[in-house]
Protein backbone atom coordinates (compact mmCIF):
# COMPACT_ATOMS: atom_id res chain seq x y z
CA MET A 1 50.30 15.40 -27.96
CA PHE A 2 48.53 16.19 -31.06
CA ARG A 3 47.86 19.97 -31.62
CA LYS A 4 45.60 21.12 -34.39
CA HIS A 5 47.04 24.07 -36.29
CA LEU A 6 44.48 26.31 -37.86
CA PRO A 7 45.36 27.93 -41.13
CA ARG A 8 46.25 31.52 -41.19
CA MET A 9 43.58 33.45 -42.94
CA SER A 10 43.07 37.00 -43.82
CA GLN A 11 40.89 37.32 -40.81
CA SER A 12 44.00 37.21 -38.66
CA HIS A 13 45.25 40.68 -39.94
CA GLY A 14 41.64 41.80 -39.95
CA GLY A 15 41.31 40.68 -36.30
CA ARG A 16 44.28 42.87 -35.22
CA SER A 17 42.84 45.72 -37.04
CA SER A 18 39.51 45.15 -35.38
CA ASP A 19 41.22 45.01 -31.98
CA ARG A 20 43.02 48.29 -32.65
CA ALA A 21 39.73 49.88 -33.73
CA THR A 22 38.03 48.57 -30.71
CA ARG A 23 40.66 49.96 -28.44
CA MET A 24 40.39 53.33 -30.16
CA ALA A 25 36.71 53.39 -29.82
CA ILE A 26 37.01 52.59 -26.15
CA MET A 27 39.48 55.43 -25.70
CA PHE A 28 37.23 57.83 -27.57
CA SER A 29 34.31 56.66 -25.48
CA LYS A 30 36.15 57.23 -22.24
CA THR A 31 37.24 60.71 -23.34
CA LYS A 32 33.73 61.61 -24.39
CA ARG A 33 32.33 60.24 -21.14
CA ALA A 34 34.93 62.28 -19.07
CA LEU A 35 33.95 65.43 -20.96
CA SER A 36 30.30 64.69 -20.43
CA ILE A 37 30.81 64.20 -16.71
CA ALA A 38 32.69 67.49 -16.52
CA SER A 39 29.90 69.19 -18.28
CA LEU A 40 27.32 67.54 -16.12
CA ILE A 41 29.16 68.62 -12.88
CA GLY A 42 29.11 72.22 -14.13
CA GLY A 43 25.44 71.92 -14.98
CA THR A 44 24.61 70.37 -11.60
CA ILE A 45 26.22 73.28 -9.75
CA LEU A 46 24.54 75.95 -11.78
CA ALA A 47 21.28 74.43 -13.07
CA ALA A 48 20.44 71.29 -11.23
CA GLY A 49 21.42 72.48 -7.71
CA PRO A 50 17.79 72.52 -6.39
CA ALA A 51 17.11 69.10 -7.92
CA ALA A 52 20.00 67.63 -5.93
CA HIS A 53 18.11 68.25 -2.71
CA ALA A 54 14.54 68.44 -4.04
CA ALA A 55 13.66 65.22 -2.18
CA GLY A 56 15.19 66.44 1.05
CA LEU A 57 12.94 66.55 4.21
CA LEU A 58 12.69 69.82 6.01
CA SER A 59 11.26 69.13 9.60
CA ILE A 60 9.39 72.13 10.96
CA ILE A 61 8.53 71.88 14.65
CA VAL A 62 6.35 74.63 16.16
CA ASN A 63 4.75 75.21 19.59
CA ASP A 64 0.96 74.94 19.50
CA PRO A 65 -0.96 75.37 16.18
CA SER A 66 -4.18 76.04 18.11
CA ASN A 67 -2.72 79.51 18.54
CA PRO A 68 -2.97 81.36 15.21
CA TYR A 69 0.47 82.74 15.57
CA TRP A 70 2.15 79.35 15.65
CA MET A 71 -0.27 78.03 12.96
CA ALA A 72 0.85 80.75 10.66
CA GLU A 73 4.49 80.09 11.55
CA GLY A 74 4.24 76.51 10.50
CA LYS A 75 2.19 77.04 7.33
CA ILE A 76 4.45 79.86 6.08
CA ALA A 77 7.65 77.94 6.67
CA ALA A 78 6.19 74.82 4.95
CA ALA A 79 5.06 76.82 1.91
CA GLU A 80 8.55 78.39 1.48
CA ALA A 81 10.13 74.96 1.88
CA SER A 82 7.82 73.51 -0.79
CA LYS A 83 8.58 76.48 -3.10
CA LEU A 84 12.22 75.72 -2.83
CA GLY A 85 11.75 72.08 -3.73
CA TYR A 86 11.79 70.40 -0.25
CA THR A 87 9.35 68.03 1.37
CA ALA A 88 8.03 69.80 4.52
CA ASN A 89 6.83 68.14 7.62
CA VAL A 90 5.15 70.28 10.37
CA SER A 91 4.69 69.00 13.89
CA ALA A 92 4.06 70.59 17.33
CA HIS A 93 5.47 70.04 20.88
CA LYS A 94 2.93 72.28 22.60
CA GLY A 95 5.59 73.57 25.02
CA ASP A 96 6.59 70.03 26.17
CA THR A 97 10.32 69.46 26.01
CA ASN A 98 9.79 65.65 26.17
CA VAL A 99 7.61 65.85 23.04
CA GLU A 100 10.11 68.18 21.48
CA SER A 101 12.98 65.76 22.09
CA ASN A 102 10.94 62.89 20.49
CA LEU A 103 10.14 65.04 17.45
CA VAL A 104 13.80 65.87 16.97
CA ASP A 105 14.50 62.16 17.23
CA THR A 106 11.92 61.51 14.45
CA ALA A 107 13.53 64.19 12.35
CA ILE A 108 16.89 62.52 12.72
CA THR A 109 15.53 59.04 11.95
CA ASN A 110 13.89 60.36 8.84
CA HIS A 111 17.15 61.96 7.60
CA SER A 112 15.89 65.47 7.64
CA VAL A 113 18.29 67.86 5.77
CA ALA A 114 17.46 70.66 8.30
CA ILE A 115 15.25 71.41 11.23
CA ILE A 116 13.30 74.65 11.74
CA LEU A 117 12.41 74.77 15.48
CA ASP A 118 10.43 77.10 17.58
CA PRO A 119 11.96 76.02 20.95
CA ALA A 120 9.80 74.87 23.82
CA ASN A 121 12.00 76.12 26.54
CA ALA A 122 15.05 78.57 26.54
CA SER A 123 17.14 76.10 28.62
CA GLY A 124 15.28 72.91 28.31
CA SER A 125 15.45 72.84 24.47
CA VAL A 126 19.27 73.02 24.37
CA GLY A 127 19.55 69.29 24.68
CA ALA A 128 17.29 68.65 21.69
CA VAL A 129 19.26 71.13 19.52
CA ARG A 130 22.51 69.56 20.55
CA LYS A 131 21.19 66.11 19.61
CA ALA A 132 20.34 67.24 16.13
CA VAL A 133 23.61 68.98 15.63
CA ALA A 134 25.41 65.67 16.81
CA ALA A 135 23.49 63.95 14.00
CA HIS A 136 24.89 66.54 11.52
CA ILE A 137 21.53 68.17 10.94
CA PRO A 138 21.60 71.95 11.02
CA VAL A 139 18.98 73.64 13.22
CA PHE A 140 17.39 77.04 12.66
CA LEU A 141 15.47 78.55 15.54
CA VAL A 142 12.44 80.80 15.05
CA ASN A 143 10.39 82.96 17.34
CA ALA A 144 12.17 82.10 20.59
CA GLU A 145 15.76 81.66 21.67
CA ILE A 146 17.77 79.14 23.63
CA ASN A 147 20.26 80.02 26.29
CA GLN A 148 23.28 78.84 24.34
CA SER A 149 24.87 80.33 21.22
CA GLY A 150 26.87 78.43 18.67
CA LEU A 151 24.61 75.41 18.39
CA ALA A 152 21.88 76.52 16.06
CA LYS A 153 22.88 77.97 12.67
CA ALA A 154 20.57 80.84 13.23
CA GLN A 155 18.12 82.23 15.85
CA LEU A 156 15.52 84.48 14.17
CA VAL A 157 13.24 86.32 16.57
CA SER A 158 11.09 89.39 16.89
CA ASN A 159 12.80 92.37 18.57
CA ASN A 160 10.67 91.95 21.70
CA ALA A 161 12.28 94.75 23.61
CA GLN A 162 11.58 97.22 20.85
CA GLY A 163 8.05 95.89 20.36
CA ALA A 164 7.28 96.09 24.05
CA ALA A 165 8.56 99.68 24.26
CA VAL A 166 6.29 100.66 21.29
CA GLY A 167 3.36 98.90 22.75
CA ALA A 168 3.77 100.42 26.24
CA GLN A 169 4.07 103.91 24.80
CA GLU A 170 0.77 103.45 22.92
CA TRP A 171 -0.84 101.95 26.02
CA VAL A 172 -0.08 105.07 28.04
CA LYS A 173 -1.62 107.18 25.34
CA ARG A 174 -4.80 105.26 25.49
CA VAL A 175 -5.12 104.60 29.26
CA GLY A 176 -3.47 107.69 30.67
CA ASP A 177 -0.58 108.28 33.11
CA LYS A 178 -2.41 107.80 36.44
CA GLY A 179 -4.17 104.89 38.00
CA HIS A 180 -3.86 101.24 38.81
CA TYR A 181 -3.35 98.57 36.13
CA ALA A 182 -2.83 94.81 35.64
CA GLU A 183 -0.50 92.77 33.51
CA LEU A 184 -0.86 89.30 31.92
CA LEU A 185 2.38 87.50 31.33
CA GLY A 186 3.33 84.67 29.04
CA SER A 187 5.07 81.39 29.90
CA PRO A 188 8.05 81.81 32.26
CA SER A 189 10.01 79.22 30.32
CA ASP A 190 9.90 81.46 27.30
CA ASN A 191 12.48 84.33 27.34
CA ASN A 192 9.97 86.40 25.34
CA ALA A 193 7.74 86.70 28.28
CA ALA A 194 10.29 88.29 30.51
CA THR A 195 11.67 90.45 27.74
CA ARG A 196 8.24 91.90 26.96
CA SER A 197 7.33 92.46 30.60
CA ASN A 198 10.64 94.17 31.28
CA GLY A 199 10.10 96.35 28.18
CA TYR A 200 6.68 97.29 29.38
CA ASN A 201 8.09 98.20 32.82
CA THR A 202 10.98 100.30 31.48
CA VAL A 203 8.45 102.62 29.85
CA LEU A 204 5.65 102.53 32.42
CA SER A 205 7.91 103.06 35.39
CA GLN A 206 8.59 106.51 34.02
CA TYR A 207 5.03 107.42 35.08
CA PRO A 208 5.10 107.52 38.97
CA ASP A 209 1.27 107.71 39.16
CA LEU A 210 0.84 104.56 37.21
CA GLU A 211 0.88 101.49 39.57
CA ARG A 212 0.80 97.89 38.67
CA VAL A 213 -1.36 96.31 41.32
CA ALA A 214 -1.76 92.86 39.80
CA GLU A 215 0.12 90.51 37.52
CA GLN A 216 -0.68 86.97 36.54
CA VAL A 217 0.94 84.37 34.36
CA ALA A 218 -1.51 83.10 31.76
CA ASN A 219 0.96 81.12 29.53
CA TRP A 220 -0.03 82.76 26.25
CA ASP A 221 -3.51 81.08 26.59
CA ARG A 222 -6.90 82.76 25.99
CA THR A 223 -8.78 80.72 28.48
CA GLN A 224 -6.22 81.39 31.12
CA GLY A 225 -6.21 85.05 30.23
CA HIS A 226 -9.98 85.07 30.78
CA ASP A 227 -9.83 83.23 34.14
CA LYS A 228 -6.83 85.36 35.47
CA MET A 229 -8.55 88.48 34.42
CA GLN A 230 -11.60 87.52 36.41
CA SER A 231 -9.57 86.94 39.61
CA MET A 232 -7.56 90.14 39.18
CA LEU A 233 -10.74 92.15 38.56
CA GLN A 234 -12.31 90.73 41.72
CA ALA A 235 -9.34 91.73 43.74
CA HIS A 236 -8.76 95.09 42.02
CA PRO A 237 -12.02 96.47 40.63
CA ASP A 238 -10.53 99.94 40.23
CA ILE A 239 -7.95 99.10 37.54
CA ILE A 240 -7.98 101.26 34.46
CA GLY A 241 -6.10 99.07 32.00
CA VAL A 242 -4.54 95.79 31.17
CA ILE A 243 -1.33 95.27 29.34
CA SER A 244 -0.88 91.80 27.86
CA GLY A 245 2.13 89.80 26.71
CA ASN A 246 0.23 88.41 23.73
CA ASP A 247 -3.04 88.76 21.85
CA ASP A 248 -4.66 85.52 22.99
CA MET A 249 -4.34 86.47 26.68
CA ALA A 250 -5.56 90.00 25.91
CA LEU A 251 -8.66 88.64 24.07
CA GLY A 252 -9.36 86.31 27.05
CA ALA A 253 -9.19 89.40 29.28
CA ILE A 254 -11.58 91.30 26.89
CA ALA A 255 -14.10 88.43 27.26
CA ALA A 256 -13.90 88.62 31.07
CA LEU A 257 -14.30 92.40 31.05
CA LYS A 258 -17.34 92.17 28.77
CA GLU A 259 -18.91 89.72 31.10
CA ALA A 260 -18.38 92.04 33.99
CA GLY A 261 -19.53 95.05 32.02
CA LYS A 262 -16.19 96.81 32.42
CA LEU A 263 -14.84 96.90 28.85
CA LYS A 264 -15.81 100.42 28.30
CA THR A 265 -13.77 101.70 31.30
CA ILE A 266 -10.87 99.24 31.27
CA LYS A 267 -8.67 99.41 28.18
CA VAL A 268 -6.57 96.45 26.90
CA GLY A 269 -3.44 96.31 24.74
CA GLY A 270 -2.04 93.20 23.02
CA PHE A 271 1.00 91.85 21.35
CA ASP A 272 1.41 89.48 18.23
CA GLY A 273 -0.78 90.92 15.48
CA SER A 274 -3.14 87.91 15.18
CA PRO A 275 -6.18 87.96 12.94
CA ASP A 276 -8.47 87.86 15.99
CA ALA A 277 -6.68 90.83 17.49
CA ILE A 278 -7.15 92.77 14.19
CA ALA A 279 -10.88 91.99 14.29
CA ALA A 280 -10.99 93.20 17.98
CA ILE A 281 -9.29 96.50 16.93
CA LYS A 282 -11.77 97.06 14.14
CA SER A 283 -14.67 96.50 16.61
CA GLY A 284 -13.09 98.86 19.16
CA GLN A 285 -12.58 96.26 21.81
CA LEU A 286 -8.78 96.05 21.66
CA GLN A 287 -6.78 99.33 21.73
CA TYR A 288 -3.82 98.11 19.74
CA THR A 289 -1.64 95.10 18.94
CA VAL A 290 2.15 94.92 18.22
CA LEU A 291 2.74 92.82 15.12
CA GLN A 292 5.44 90.23 15.31
CA PRO A 293 6.82 89.77 11.80
CA VAL A 294 6.60 85.93 12.03
CA ALA A 295 5.64 85.74 8.29
CA THR A 296 9.01 87.41 7.45
CA PHE A 297 11.30 85.42 9.75
CA ALA A 298 9.55 82.08 9.14
CA ARG A 299 10.32 82.40 5.44
CA LYS A 300 13.80 83.75 6.19
CA ALA A 301 14.63 80.77 8.29
CA VAL A 302 13.85 78.41 5.49
CA ASP A 303 15.79 80.52 3.01
CA GLU A 304 18.80 80.40 5.30
CA ALA A 305 18.49 76.64 5.75
CA ASP A 306 18.32 76.24 1.98
CA SER A 307 21.46 78.45 1.55
CA PHE A 308 23.29 76.44 4.21
CA ILE A 309 22.40 73.12 2.64
CA ARG A 310 23.65 74.35 -0.83
CA THR A 311 26.66 76.42 0.19
CA GLY A 312 27.53 75.69 3.85
CA LYS A 313 26.69 79.29 4.75
CA THR A 314 23.37 80.82 5.91
CA GLY A 315 24.06 84.23 4.21
CA ALA A 316 23.44 86.05 7.50
CA ALA A 317 26.10 88.09 9.40
CA GLU A 318 25.11 86.82 12.82
CA GLU A 319 23.52 83.76 14.51
CA LYS A 320 20.99 85.85 16.28
CA GLN A 321 18.78 88.13 14.10
CA LEU A 322 16.22 90.49 15.36
CA PHE A 323 13.18 91.67 13.35
CA ASN A 324 11.40 94.84 14.50
CA CYS A 325 7.79 94.80 15.44
CA ILE A 326 5.07 97.09 14.12
CA LEU A 327 2.32 98.92 16.05
CA ILE A 328 -1.16 98.32 14.64
CA THR A 329 -4.08 100.60 15.63
CA GLU A 330 -7.31 101.65 14.06
CA GLN A 331 -5.34 104.12 12.01
CA ASN A 332 -3.34 101.53 9.96
CA VAL A 333 -5.38 98.28 10.54
CA GLY A 334 -6.57 98.51 6.94
CA LYS A 335 -3.05 97.73 5.69
CA TYR A 336 -3.23 94.28 7.34
CA THR A 337 -3.40 92.23 4.19
CA GLU A 338 -3.03 88.63 5.48
CA PRO A 339 -2.20 86.90 8.82
CA PHE A 340 0.74 88.63 10.48
CA THR A 341 1.52 90.74 7.41
CA ILE A 342 1.03 94.49 7.00
CA SER A 343 1.75 96.45 3.84
CA GLU A 344 4.06 99.43 3.94
């Protein structure tokens, strides 16, 4: 077979030199790239950490935003999430565990990096939290607890026992230590309702001449508070005071008492620190309220979620964290600067 031989030319030596140069250039390029990657990794940890999760979705699930307390809870948490570079989505279950479960499913489907949840039910919400955890999404509970520890990364709630004791002590100062009274209770599925009622009773039971002659569940709702107050007043027209598990029920009771012409003789105490309650204190219709620091722990929950996403740790010593409540009366109501916030 005929093979054509090409003449050797100077390019042959030059080609080998070129190959060597090319190999050296590639090696230099790889070394430089490795150094650049090492620098970039260091930079990512220190400088670009937030950018690494800036597009992450933080799902915030509250109870019922028609209540100003839960409205503030969602807004404050979303604002903090946005400040930290997350996309925030706020939804509401309105106390329905089935809706809550569906919202958690949506959060999982949307690849949320964390869930901030105000649980619908102390026992009934355990399954929803467990489902998120199984999908490797950390859950941070706010305002209310679930009856199982070790699932949520954190449970941030008001110190309801402390707040109830403070409220009951003020209530006695306003109402007196003798006579019949009524109580409005929150939803039985929420541990906060029982904790506050027990806290009230612990204080008021120390006064043997104070007798609770009526109690009604009004489910944290203003309309129900109004209606239940009407029925209690009809059955017990001699009551001297009403102690309520939250502000909305208290404000409903005040409306019923005004209609009956009894507001001047029957005094009402609340719990939450809502803007409407503040207005009622200023007008002399509500004796006091107990501020729940929801603005504080809503922000804190998001901060702890952010810490966990970045470092694997919340930064808190315990899963359950209690935040003390603050009594608000006509004496310090002027320090109420924004919803659920009072200056020191």
